[in-house]
Amino acid sequence: MSKYLYGASVQGIQNFIFKTNKLKEIIGASKLVEDLGFIRGIIENNKKARDTYSVEGIKNKPIVILSSAGNLRIIFENKEDAKIMVKKFPKEVMQKAYGITISQALIPFDDTYERCSKKLEQRLKFQRNKPPLPLDLHFSILKQNPKTAKPVVKKIIEEDEEIYLDKATKQKIDRFKQFVNEKLDLENLSNSKNKIAIIHADGNGLGKIVQNMDEKELKSFSLALDKATIGAKEEASKVVKGFEKNHREIILSGDDLTIVCNASYALEFTRNFLELFEQKTKNIYKNDSLSACAGIAYANEKYPLHYAFDLAEALCSYAKKDSRKIDDKYPPSSLMFHNIRSSHVKSYSKFVDDELTLGTDEKILCNFGSYFLHEYKDRPQIDVLLKTIDDFRKDGSPISRLREWLSELDNNRTYADNELKRINQITTWKSENLSNLYKNLSLENLIVTKDGAEKTPIYDILQILAVEDKGDKK
């Protein structure tokens, strides 16, 4: 009897989750996505999973090779079961999570797993390029949800206000109600400065590790990676006091982590997560270990969350690019961050041009990162940055004068140099950690040559002091 290799890719997850700025809908959406773990339960006849999603008619228990990060790989023992999966599976998923689409492919499993997997990937790529048919098409005469432009399926009254729900929004709210019994909003996560943080972390070098695995190794590796990522997040949460009650998981699967949290805890938590992720994935496959990079987007609690997520992802990509400059095969762990101050939606490159580049003739850049978990030559380290920030929290630190210095730096370099001289004449504050952050850096010399450009770390330091509410230190 011939075997068949089935593959499916879930698309539109990020847009599905972050299409709204209401945390209860975001949590509901993330839980619906988390329910995609039901796949393993369905195939292996798990009753609890079947109560949520069901693909009836599959008779022989197939082998689930991969079921994480929106990807599914299954080996079926016969053609009949495979055909049932192809016919019913996308419908069952898409009807219960409007907005998510599924691309799928099926091939005979008549060669090695590696060769069949490459062939399957080619077919999946072709399927992903086909435009999906949305399930919520509508006529113009139908009433629409003004926030999503999708047809209304239900009207509810909330705080004396009529709210119209489309199918996807209703599904998210219903799933949220299963998860919690009280209403949540971003104000409950923000600190006293009304700031939240979106953290996105992603593993490095995963593709190079899995490309030569056979089916048993891939299955074992997938489970081990999930366990390591979840374990790293849980332990990092306990290390940072106050973090456990002030964050919400959005994505926690495979080597991906996305959370929303109180801005005061974001940098310290991310540093600890990167360290624990390295520890828990050490020699995860033969002699290969993993690292991770992260992006932190700080924003006001009212800022559109899906745009902040896009920025966090872009910052993570920036850190990855920096890490690959050190070691392309085994990139080290690093992070980038940015505090969104304007109400305009921008890409990170636009932020760099508009906000992080000072001066007219002589350009000074304020994006001093990436910041690395471990020590590397000519690379700022996260721990030294944290110590330097603590120094600036102490009494007598020239924070306000340095803000004026940055303003002068944008207008006139000569005036800025004179302002810095005055700061050094009147202050008794000292920081040894500032000089350890980067070579030739000191309060007397706050602009250094880095990455082929003149840069200063002061903007980054002031960013963290502006978003955290940890208070002054004596």
Protein backbone atom coordinates (compact mmCIF):
# COMPACT_ATOMS: atom_id res chain seq x y z
CA MET A 1 0.00 0.00 0.00
CA SER A 2 1.43 3.39 -1.03
CA LYS A 3 2.21 6.06 1.54
CA TYR A 4 1.59 9.79 1.04
CA LEU A 5 3.31 12.88 2.41
CA TYR A 6 0.91 15.71 3.23
CA GLY A 7 1.95 19.29 3.92
CA ALA A 8 -0.01 22.36 4.96
CA SER A 9 1.00 25.94 5.74
CA VAL A 10 -1.16 28.33 7.73
CA GLN A 11 -1.12 31.86 6.29
CA GLY A 12 -2.29 35.22 7.57
CA ILE A 13 -1.63 34.50 11.26
CA GLN A 14 -0.07 37.87 12.12
CA ASN A 15 -2.74 39.88 10.31
CA PHE A 16 -5.45 37.73 11.91
CA ILE A 17 -4.10 38.44 15.41
CA PHE A 18 -3.15 42.11 15.07
CA LYS A 19 -6.04 43.37 12.97
CA THR A 20 -7.49 44.96 16.12
CA ASN A 21 -6.14 47.08 18.95
CA LYS A 22 -8.42 45.55 21.61
CA LEU A 23 -6.44 43.18 23.73
CA LYS A 24 -9.34 40.82 24.36
CA GLU A 25 -9.68 40.29 20.62
CA ILE A 26 -5.91 39.89 20.24
CA ILE A 27 -5.82 37.30 23.02
CA GLY A 28 -8.82 35.52 21.54
CA ALA A 29 -7.15 35.47 18.13
CA SER A 30 -3.87 34.21 19.56
CA LYS A 31 -5.74 31.45 21.39
CA LEU A 32 -7.47 30.44 18.16
CA VAL A 33 -4.04 30.23 16.55
CA GLU A 34 -2.74 28.33 19.55
CA ASP A 35 -5.58 25.88 18.98
CA LEU A 36 -3.83 24.93 15.76
CA GLY A 37 -2.00 22.54 18.06
CA PHE A 38 -5.27 20.58 17.76
CA ILE A 39 -3.85 19.09 14.54
CA ARG A 40 -1.81 16.51 16.37
CA GLY A 41 -4.78 15.64 18.54
CA ILE A 42 -7.12 15.25 15.57
CA ILE A 43 -4.85 12.90 13.73
CA GLU A 44 -4.05 10.88 16.83
CA ASN A 45 -7.72 10.59 17.82
CA ASN A 46 -7.54 12.84 20.86
CA LYS A 47 -11.11 13.40 22.05
CA LYS A 48 -10.46 16.81 23.61
CA ALA A 49 -9.03 18.08 20.33
CA ARG A 50 -11.96 16.64 18.37
CA ASP A 51 -14.37 18.59 20.56
CA THR A 52 -12.90 21.79 19.06
CA TYR A 53 -11.97 20.74 15.55
CA SER A 54 -12.66 17.48 13.77
CA VAL A 55 -11.72 15.76 10.55
CA GLU A 56 -14.01 12.78 10.42
CA GLY A 57 -13.33 9.71 8.37
CA ILE A 58 -9.59 9.20 8.91
CA LYS A 59 -9.31 5.53 9.80
CA ASN A 60 -5.61 4.73 10.18
CA LYS A 61 -3.44 6.71 12.57
CA PRO A 62 -0.85 8.59 10.45
CA ILE A 63 2.56 9.90 11.53
CA VAL A 64 2.72 13.59 12.45
CA ILE A 65 6.22 14.75 11.53
CA LEU A 66 5.82 18.48 12.19
CA SER A 67 3.07 20.49 13.84
CA SER A 68 4.34 23.91 14.90
CA ALA A 69 4.84 27.51 13.78
CA GLY A 70 1.97 27.27 11.28
CA ASN A 71 3.38 24.25 9.44
CA LEU A 72 2.12 20.70 9.23
CA ARG A 73 3.77 17.59 7.78
CA ILE A 74 2.03 14.19 7.98
CA ILE A 75 2.67 10.77 6.49
CA PHE A 76 -0.53 8.88 5.63
CA GLU A 77 -0.58 5.12 5.29
CA ASN A 78 -3.14 5.13 2.49
CA LYS A 79 -4.57 7.35 -0.22
CA GLU A 80 -8.12 7.36 1.14
CA ASP A 81 -7.17 8.99 4.46
CA ALA A 82 -4.95 11.50 2.66
CA LYS A 83 -7.82 12.51 0.36
CA ILE A 84 -10.11 13.04 3.36
CA MET A 85 -7.50 15.32 4.94
CA VAL A 86 -7.12 17.37 1.76
CA LYS A 87 -10.87 17.70 1.37
CA LYS A 88 -11.95 18.48 4.92
CA PHE A 89 -9.04 19.93 6.85
CA PRO A 90 -8.86 23.45 5.30
CA LYS A 91 -12.62 23.88 5.61
CA GLU A 92 -12.65 22.90 9.27
CA VAL A 93 -9.84 25.31 10.15
CA MET A 94 -10.86 28.29 8.02
CA GLN A 95 -14.48 28.18 9.20
CA LYS A 96 -13.41 28.35 12.83
CA ALA A 97 -10.82 31.12 12.30
CA TYR A 98 -12.06 33.48 9.60
CA GLY A 99 -9.09 35.33 8.09
CA ILE A 100 -6.66 32.44 8.26
CA THR A 101 -6.02 30.57 5.02
CA ILE A 102 -4.41 27.21 4.42
CA SER A 103 -2.23 26.10 1.55
CA GLN A 104 -1.81 22.36 1.19
CA ALA A 105 -0.10 19.80 -1.03
CA LEU A 106 0.04 16.01 -1.25
CA ILE A 107 2.65 13.79 -2.92
CA PRO A 108 3.43 10.05 -2.98
CA PHE A 109 5.97 9.15 -0.30
CA ASP A 110 8.08 7.00 -2.62
CA ASP A 111 11.61 8.26 -1.91
CA THR A 112 13.69 9.48 1.03
CA TYR A 113 12.02 12.00 3.31
CA GLU A 114 14.55 14.67 2.34
CA ARG A 115 13.81 14.39 -1.39
CA CYS A 116 10.06 14.13 -0.91
CA SER A 117 10.12 17.09 1.47
CA LYS A 118 11.83 19.29 -1.14
CA LYS A 119 9.27 18.28 -3.74
CA LEU A 120 6.45 19.00 -1.29
CA GLU A 121 7.89 22.44 -0.52
CA GLN A 122 7.90 23.31 -4.21
CA ARG A 123 4.22 22.45 -4.50
CA LEU A 124 3.37 24.34 -1.33
CA LYS A 125 5.17 27.40 -2.65
CA PHE A 126 3.05 27.22 -5.79
CA GLN A 127 -0.14 26.93 -3.72
CA ARG A 128 0.82 29.84 -1.47
CA ASN A 129 1.10 32.10 -4.49
CA LYS A 130 -2.52 31.47 -5.40
CA PRO A 131 -4.87 34.17 -4.06
CA PRO A 132 -7.18 32.72 -1.38
CA LEU A 133 -10.94 32.92 -1.64
CA PRO A 134 -12.23 34.72 1.49
CA LEU A 135 -15.13 33.09 3.30
CA ASP A 136 -16.73 36.43 4.22
CA LEU A 137 -17.43 37.87 0.79
CA HIS A 138 -20.45 40.16 0.88
CA PHE A 139 -22.80 42.31 -1.14
CA SER A 140 -22.73 46.08 -0.73
CA ILE A 141 -26.27 46.07 0.66
CA LEU A 142 -25.08 44.25 3.79
CA LYS A 143 -24.19 46.21 6.91
CA GLN A 144 -20.45 46.25 7.56
CA ASN A 145 -18.30 46.40 10.66
CA PRO A 146 -16.82 49.93 10.33
CA LYS A 147 -13.48 48.78 11.78
CA THR A 148 -12.91 45.81 9.47
CA ALA A 149 -15.23 46.45 6.47
CA LYS A 150 -16.51 42.89 6.86
CA PRO A 151 -20.19 41.91 6.95
CA VAL A 152 -21.90 42.11 10.34
CA VAL A 153 -23.15 38.85 11.86
CA LYS A 154 -24.09 40.09 15.34
CA LYS A 155 -24.82 43.27 17.29
CA ILE A 156 -23.91 43.52 20.97
CA ILE A 157 -24.34 46.24 23.61
CA GLU A 158 -21.19 47.03 25.57
CA GLU A 159 -21.09 49.94 28.05
CA ASP A 160 -24.27 51.42 26.51
CA GLU A 161 -22.71 51.35 23.06
CA GLU A 162 -23.87 49.34 20.06
CA ILE A 163 -21.02 47.27 18.64
CA TYR A 164 -21.29 45.42 15.34
CA LEU A 165 -19.29 42.24 14.98
CA ASP A 166 -18.16 40.48 11.84
CA LYS A 167 -17.58 36.73 11.87
CA ALA A 168 -13.86 36.86 12.66
CA THR A 169 -14.28 39.40 15.48
CA LYS A 170 -17.08 37.34 17.02
CA GLN A 171 -14.89 34.23 16.92
CA LYS A 172 -12.05 36.07 18.65
CA ILE A 173 -14.33 37.43 21.39
CA ASP A 174 -15.96 34.04 21.95
CA ARG A 175 -12.53 32.40 22.27
CA PHE A 176 -11.40 35.14 24.62
CA LYS A 177 -14.37 34.50 26.92
CA GLN A 178 -13.22 30.92 27.24
CA PHE A 179 -9.82 32.11 28.35
CA VAL A 180 -10.75 34.74 30.92
CA ASN A 181 -13.84 35.90 32.73
CA GLU A 182 -13.06 39.60 32.97
CA LYS A 183 -12.45 42.30 30.37
CA LEU A 184 -8.82 43.15 29.67
CA ASP A 185 -7.35 46.18 27.93
CA LEU A 186 -3.93 47.67 27.27
CA GLU A 187 -4.29 50.13 30.15
CA ASN A 188 -3.95 47.17 32.52
CA LEU A 189 -0.51 46.41 31.10
CA SER A 190 0.93 49.92 30.75
CA ASN A 191 3.10 51.52 33.43
CA SER A 192 2.64 54.90 35.09
CA LYS A 193 3.99 56.55 31.93
CA ASN A 194 1.26 54.84 29.84
CA LYS A 195 3.92 52.81 28.03
CA ILE A 196 3.77 49.22 26.84
CA ALA A 197 6.32 47.13 24.96
CA ILE A 198 5.93 44.60 22.18
CA ILE A 199 8.73 42.02 22.18
CA HIS A 200 9.38 39.80 19.18
CA ALA A 201 12.15 37.18 19.40
CA ASP A 202 13.16 34.67 16.77
CA GLY A 203 15.77 31.90 16.73
CA ASN A 204 18.90 32.07 14.59
CA GLY A 205 20.19 29.40 12.22
CA LEU A 206 17.17 27.12 12.47
CA GLY A 207 16.90 26.55 8.72
CA LYS A 208 20.48 25.34 8.42
CA ILE A 209 19.97 22.82 11.21
CA VAL A 210 16.74 21.22 9.96
CA GLN A 211 17.54 21.04 6.26
CA ASN A 212 19.35 17.70 6.53
CA MET A 213 17.14 16.02 9.15
CA ASP A 214 15.18 12.87 8.46
CA GLU A 215 11.55 12.57 9.57
CA LYS A 216 12.24 11.11 13.01
CA GLU A 217 14.89 13.71 13.79
CA LEU A 218 12.64 16.54 12.63
CA LYS A 219 9.76 15.38 14.80
CA SER A 220 11.98 15.03 17.86
CA PHE A 221 13.67 18.37 17.19
CA SER A 222 10.32 20.18 16.82
CA LEU A 223 9.13 18.95 20.21
CA ALA A 224 12.46 19.78 21.89
CA LEU A 225 12.46 23.29 20.43
CA ASP A 226 8.92 24.00 21.64
CA LYS A 227 9.88 22.80 25.11
CA ALA A 228 13.03 24.93 25.17
CA THR A 229 11.29 28.13 24.03
CA ILE A 230 8.42 27.75 26.48
CA GLY A 231 10.82 26.90 29.29
CA ALA A 232 13.04 29.91 28.55
CA LYS A 233 10.04 32.24 28.54
CA GLU A 234 8.64 30.84 31.80
CA GLU A 235 11.96 31.05 33.64
CA ALA A 236 12.72 34.54 32.33
CA SER A 237 9.26 35.64 33.52
CA LYS A 238 10.06 34.53 37.07
CA VAL A 239 13.45 36.26 37.16
CA VAL A 240 12.03 39.74 36.49
CA LYS A 241 9.96 40.82 39.48
CA GLY A 242 6.47 41.95 38.50
CA PHE A 243 6.66 40.63 34.94
CA GLU A 244 4.42 37.55 35.35
CA LYS A 245 1.32 39.63 36.12
CA ASN A 246 2.10 42.34 33.58
CA HIS A 247 2.38 40.61 30.23
CA ARG A 248 0.30 38.70 27.68
CA GLU A 249 1.54 35.99 25.37
CA ILE A 250 0.65 36.53 21.73
CA ILE A 251 2.82 33.90 20.05
CA LEU A 252 4.89 31.22 21.80
CA SER A 253 5.70 28.38 19.43
CA GLY A 254 8.73 26.83 17.77
CA ASP A 255 11.52 29.41 18.02
CA ASP A 256 9.12 32.38 17.97
CA LEU A 257 8.09 34.57 20.89
CA THR A 258 5.82 37.63 20.75
CA ILE A 259 4.44 39.23 23.90
CA VAL A 260 2.94 42.53 25.04
CA CYS A 261 4.10 43.72 28.43
CA ASN A 262 4.61 46.60 30.83
CA ALA A 263 7.38 48.71 29.30
CA SER A 264 9.36 48.82 32.54
CA TYR A 265 10.18 45.11 32.36
CA ALA A 266 10.78 44.59 28.63
CA LEU A 267 14.53 45.10 28.31
CA GLU A 268 15.48 43.05 31.35
CA PHE A 269 13.08 40.23 30.44
CA THR A 270 14.36 40.08 26.85
CA ARG A 271 17.96 39.87 28.01
CA ASN A 272 17.11 36.97 30.34
CA PHE A 273 15.04 35.20 27.68
CA LEU A 274 17.91 35.32 25.16
CA GLU A 275 20.30 33.85 27.75
CA LEU A 276 17.90 31.08 28.81
CA PHE A 277 17.02 30.26 25.20
CA GLU A 278 20.71 29.69 24.50
CA GLN A 279 21.07 27.50 27.58
CA LYS A 280 18.03 25.36 26.82
CA THR A 281 18.89 24.86 23.13
CA LYS A 282 22.57 24.07 23.71
CA ASN A 283 23.44 20.97 21.64
CA ILE A 284 19.76 20.62 20.78
CA TYR A 285 20.73 18.66 17.67
CA LYS A 286 24.04 16.78 17.67
CA ASN A 287 26.62 19.54 18.26
CA ASP A 288 24.43 22.36 16.98
CA SER A 289 23.10 25.02 19.34
CA LEU A 290 20.73 27.92 18.79
CA SER A 291 20.77 31.59 19.62
CA ALA A 292 18.05 34.22 19.14
CA CYS A 293 17.59 37.87 18.28
CA ALA A 294 14.87 40.19 19.51
CA GLY A 295 13.23 43.49 18.75
CA ILE A 296 11.44 45.65 21.33
CA ALA A 297 9.00 48.32 20.22
CA TYR A 298 7.95 50.71 23.01
CA ALA A 299 4.69 52.54 22.41
CA ASN A 300 1.91 54.46 24.07
CA GLU A 301 -0.97 52.23 25.16
CA LYS A 302 -3.21 53.89 22.52
CA TYR A 303 -0.83 53.29 19.62
CA PRO A 304 -2.13 50.76 17.02
CA LEU A 305 -0.70 47.50 18.23
CA HIS A 306 -0.29 45.85 14.83
CA TYR A 307 2.01 48.67 13.71
CA ALA A 308 4.09 48.30 16.86
CA PHE A 309 4.36 44.58 16.13
CA ASP A 310 5.62 45.36 12.62
CA LEU A 311 8.29 47.59 14.15
CA ALA A 312 9.31 44.93 16.70
CA GLU A 313 9.69 42.44 13.86
CA ALA A 314 11.76 44.94 11.82
CA LEU A 315 14.00 45.60 14.83
CA CYS A 316 14.48 41.85 15.27
CA SER A 317 15.48 41.55 11.60
CA TYR A 318 17.95 44.43 12.06
CA ALA A 319 19.53 42.62 15.02
CA LYS A 320 19.74 39.39 13.02
CA LYS A 321 21.53 41.18 10.20
CA ASP A 322 24.04 42.62 12.68
CA SER A 323 24.58 39.21 14.27
CA ARG A 324 25.27 37.56 10.93
CA LYS A 325 28.09 40.05 10.35
CA ILE A 326 29.88 38.43 13.29
CA ASP A 327 29.14 34.80 12.38
CA ASP A 328 26.92 33.85 9.48
CA LYS A 329 26.66 30.17 10.45
CA TYR A 330 26.11 30.68 14.19
CA PRO A 331 24.86 34.27 14.67
CA PRO A 332 25.13 35.46 18.29
CA SER A 333 22.16 36.66 20.32
CA SER A 334 21.38 40.37 20.15
CA LEU A 335 18.53 42.86 20.41
CA MET A 336 17.37 46.24 19.13
CA PHE A 337 14.74 48.60 20.55
CA HIS A 338 12.96 51.84 19.70
CA ASN A 339 10.49 54.08 21.48
CA ILE A 340 7.68 55.27 19.20
CA ARG A 341 7.08 58.93 20.02
CA SER A 342 5.01 60.09 17.06
CA SER A 343 1.48 59.09 16.09
CA HIS A 344 2.50 58.48 12.49
CA VAL A 345 3.00 54.97 11.18
CA LYS A 346 6.56 54.50 9.90
CA SER A 347 8.99 51.79 8.91
CA TYR A 348 12.15 51.49 11.00
CA SER A 349 14.26 52.93 8.18
CA LYS A 350 11.93 55.95 8.19
CA PHE A 351 12.40 56.33 11.96
CA VAL A 352 16.17 56.31 11.39
CA ASP A 353 15.93 59.01 8.72
CA ASP A 354 13.44 61.25 10.53
CA GLU A 355 14.25 60.82 14.23
CA LEU A 356 17.57 59.05 14.64
CA THR A 357 19.72 61.12 12.29
CA LEU A 358 20.86 64.44 13.73
CA GLY A 359 22.64 67.38 12.13
CA THR A 360 22.59 68.99 8.71
CA ASP A 361 26.15 68.85 7.39
CA GLU A 362 27.75 66.34 9.78
CA LYS A 363 25.31 63.48 10.31
CA ILE A 364 25.17 61.85 13.74
CA LEU A 365 23.21 58.59 14.07
CA CYS A 366 21.40 57.65 17.28
CA ASN A 367 20.71 53.97 16.53
CA PHE A 368 23.67 52.67 18.53
CA GLY A 369 22.63 48.99 18.58
CA SER A 370 22.47 46.16 18.08
CA TYR A 371 23.24 45.20 21.69
CA PHE A 372 24.72 41.74 22.20
CA LEU A 373 24.20 39.16 24.93
CA HIS A 374 27.88 38.26 25.03
CA GLU A 375 31.04 40.31 24.67
CA TYR A 376 32.35 40.92 21.14
CA LYS A 377 34.96 43.36 19.90
CA ASP A 378 33.48 46.73 18.93
CA ARG A 379 29.95 45.63 19.85
CA PRO A 380 27.95 47.08 22.76
CA GLN A 381 26.79 44.51 25.31
CA ILE A 382 23.30 44.35 26.85
CA ASP A 383 24.57 43.97 30.42
CA VAL A 384 26.83 47.01 30.12
CA LEU A 385 23.94 49.00 28.66
CA LEU A 386 21.73 48.05 31.64
CA LYS A 387 24.46 49.09 34.09
CA THR A 388 24.99 52.37 32.24
CA ILE A 389 21.26 53.11 32.36
CA ASP A 390 21.30 52.44 36.11
CA ASP A 391 24.15 54.94 36.44
CA PHE A 392 22.03 57.58 34.72
CA ARG A 393 19.21 56.94 37.21
CA LYS A 394 21.43 58.05 40.10
CA ASP A 395 21.21 61.49 41.67
CA GLY A 396 23.21 64.13 39.89
CA SER A 397 23.23 62.52 36.45
CA PRO A 398 22.99 65.17 33.70
CA ILE A 399 19.91 63.70 31.99
CA SER A 400 18.09 66.96 31.26
CA ARG A 401 21.26 68.68 30.06
CA LEU A 402 21.99 65.76 27.72
CA ARG A 403 18.53 66.12 26.20
CA GLU A 404 19.44 69.73 25.46
CA TRP A 405 22.77 68.54 24.03
CA LEU A 406 20.96 66.23 21.59
CA SER A 407 18.73 69.11 20.48
CA GLU A 408 21.76 71.32 19.90
CA LEU A 409 23.46 68.48 18.04
CA ASP A 410 20.61 68.46 15.56
CA ASN A 411 20.88 72.24 15.03
CA ASN A 412 24.52 73.22 15.42
CA ARG A 413 27.52 70.95 16.14
CA THR A 414 29.61 73.79 17.58
CA TYR A 415 26.89 74.79 20.04
CA ALA A 416 26.49 71.13 21.00
CA ASP A 417 30.23 70.79 21.69
CA ASN A 418 30.14 73.87 23.92
CA GLU A 419 27.08 72.51 25.77
CA LEU A 420 28.91 69.23 26.44
CA LYS A 421 31.92 71.14 27.82
CA ARG A 422 29.61 73.01 30.22
CA ILE A 423 28.03 69.72 31.33
CA ASN A 424 31.46 68.29 32.18
CA GLN A 425 32.47 71.45 34.04
CA ILE A 426 29.48 71.51 36.38
CA THR A 427 28.68 67.81 36.98
CA THR A 428 30.27 65.58 39.61
CA TRP A 429 28.45 62.51 38.26
CA LYS A 430 30.62 59.69 36.93
CA SER A 431 29.95 56.44 35.06
CA GLU A 432 32.63 53.82 34.49
CA ASN A 433 30.08 51.70 32.64
CA LEU A 434 29.66 54.33 29.92
CA SER A 435 33.30 53.90 28.93
CA ASN A 436 32.86 50.11 28.93
CA LEU A 437 29.92 50.31 26.53
CA TYR A 438 32.17 51.18 23.59
CA LYS A 439 35.81 52.13 23.06
CA ASN A 440 36.73 55.82 23.49
CA LEU A 441 33.26 56.57 24.90
CA SER A 442 33.00 58.90 27.92
CA LEU A 443 30.99 61.85 29.17
CA GLU A 444 33.61 64.07 27.53
CA ASN A 445 33.31 62.18 24.24
CA LEU A 446 29.76 60.99 23.52
CA ILE A 447 30.18 60.59 19.75
CA VAL A 448 32.26 57.68 18.43
CA THR A 449 32.85 56.05 15.08
CA LYS A 450 30.82 52.85 14.81
CA ASP A 451 29.73 50.84 11.74
CA GLY A 452 31.38 53.39 9.46
CA ALA A 453 29.40 56.34 10.84
CA GLU A 454 29.46 58.77 13.76
CA LYS A 455 27.07 57.55 16.45
CA THR A 456 26.04 58.31 20.02
CA PRO A 457 24.38 55.95 22.57
CA ILE A 458 22.80 58.79 24.55
CA TYR A 459 19.54 58.69 22.61
CA ASP A 460 19.11 54.96 23.38
CA ILE A 461 19.85 55.53 27.06
CA LEU A 462 17.37 58.39 27.27
CA GLN A 463 14.79 56.26 25.44
CA ILE A 464 14.83 53.60 28.16
CA LEU A 465 14.77 56.19 30.94
CA ALA A 466 11.75 57.80 29.22
CA VAL A 467 9.68 54.61 28.98
CA GLU A 468 10.54 52.87 32.27
CA ASP A 469 9.20 53.98 35.64
CA LYS A 470 11.73 52.30 37.91
CA GLY A 471 12.58 55.54 39.67
CA ASP A 472 15.83 57.20 40.68
CA LYS A 473 18.62 55.42 42.53
CA LYS A 474 20.77 56.91 45.25
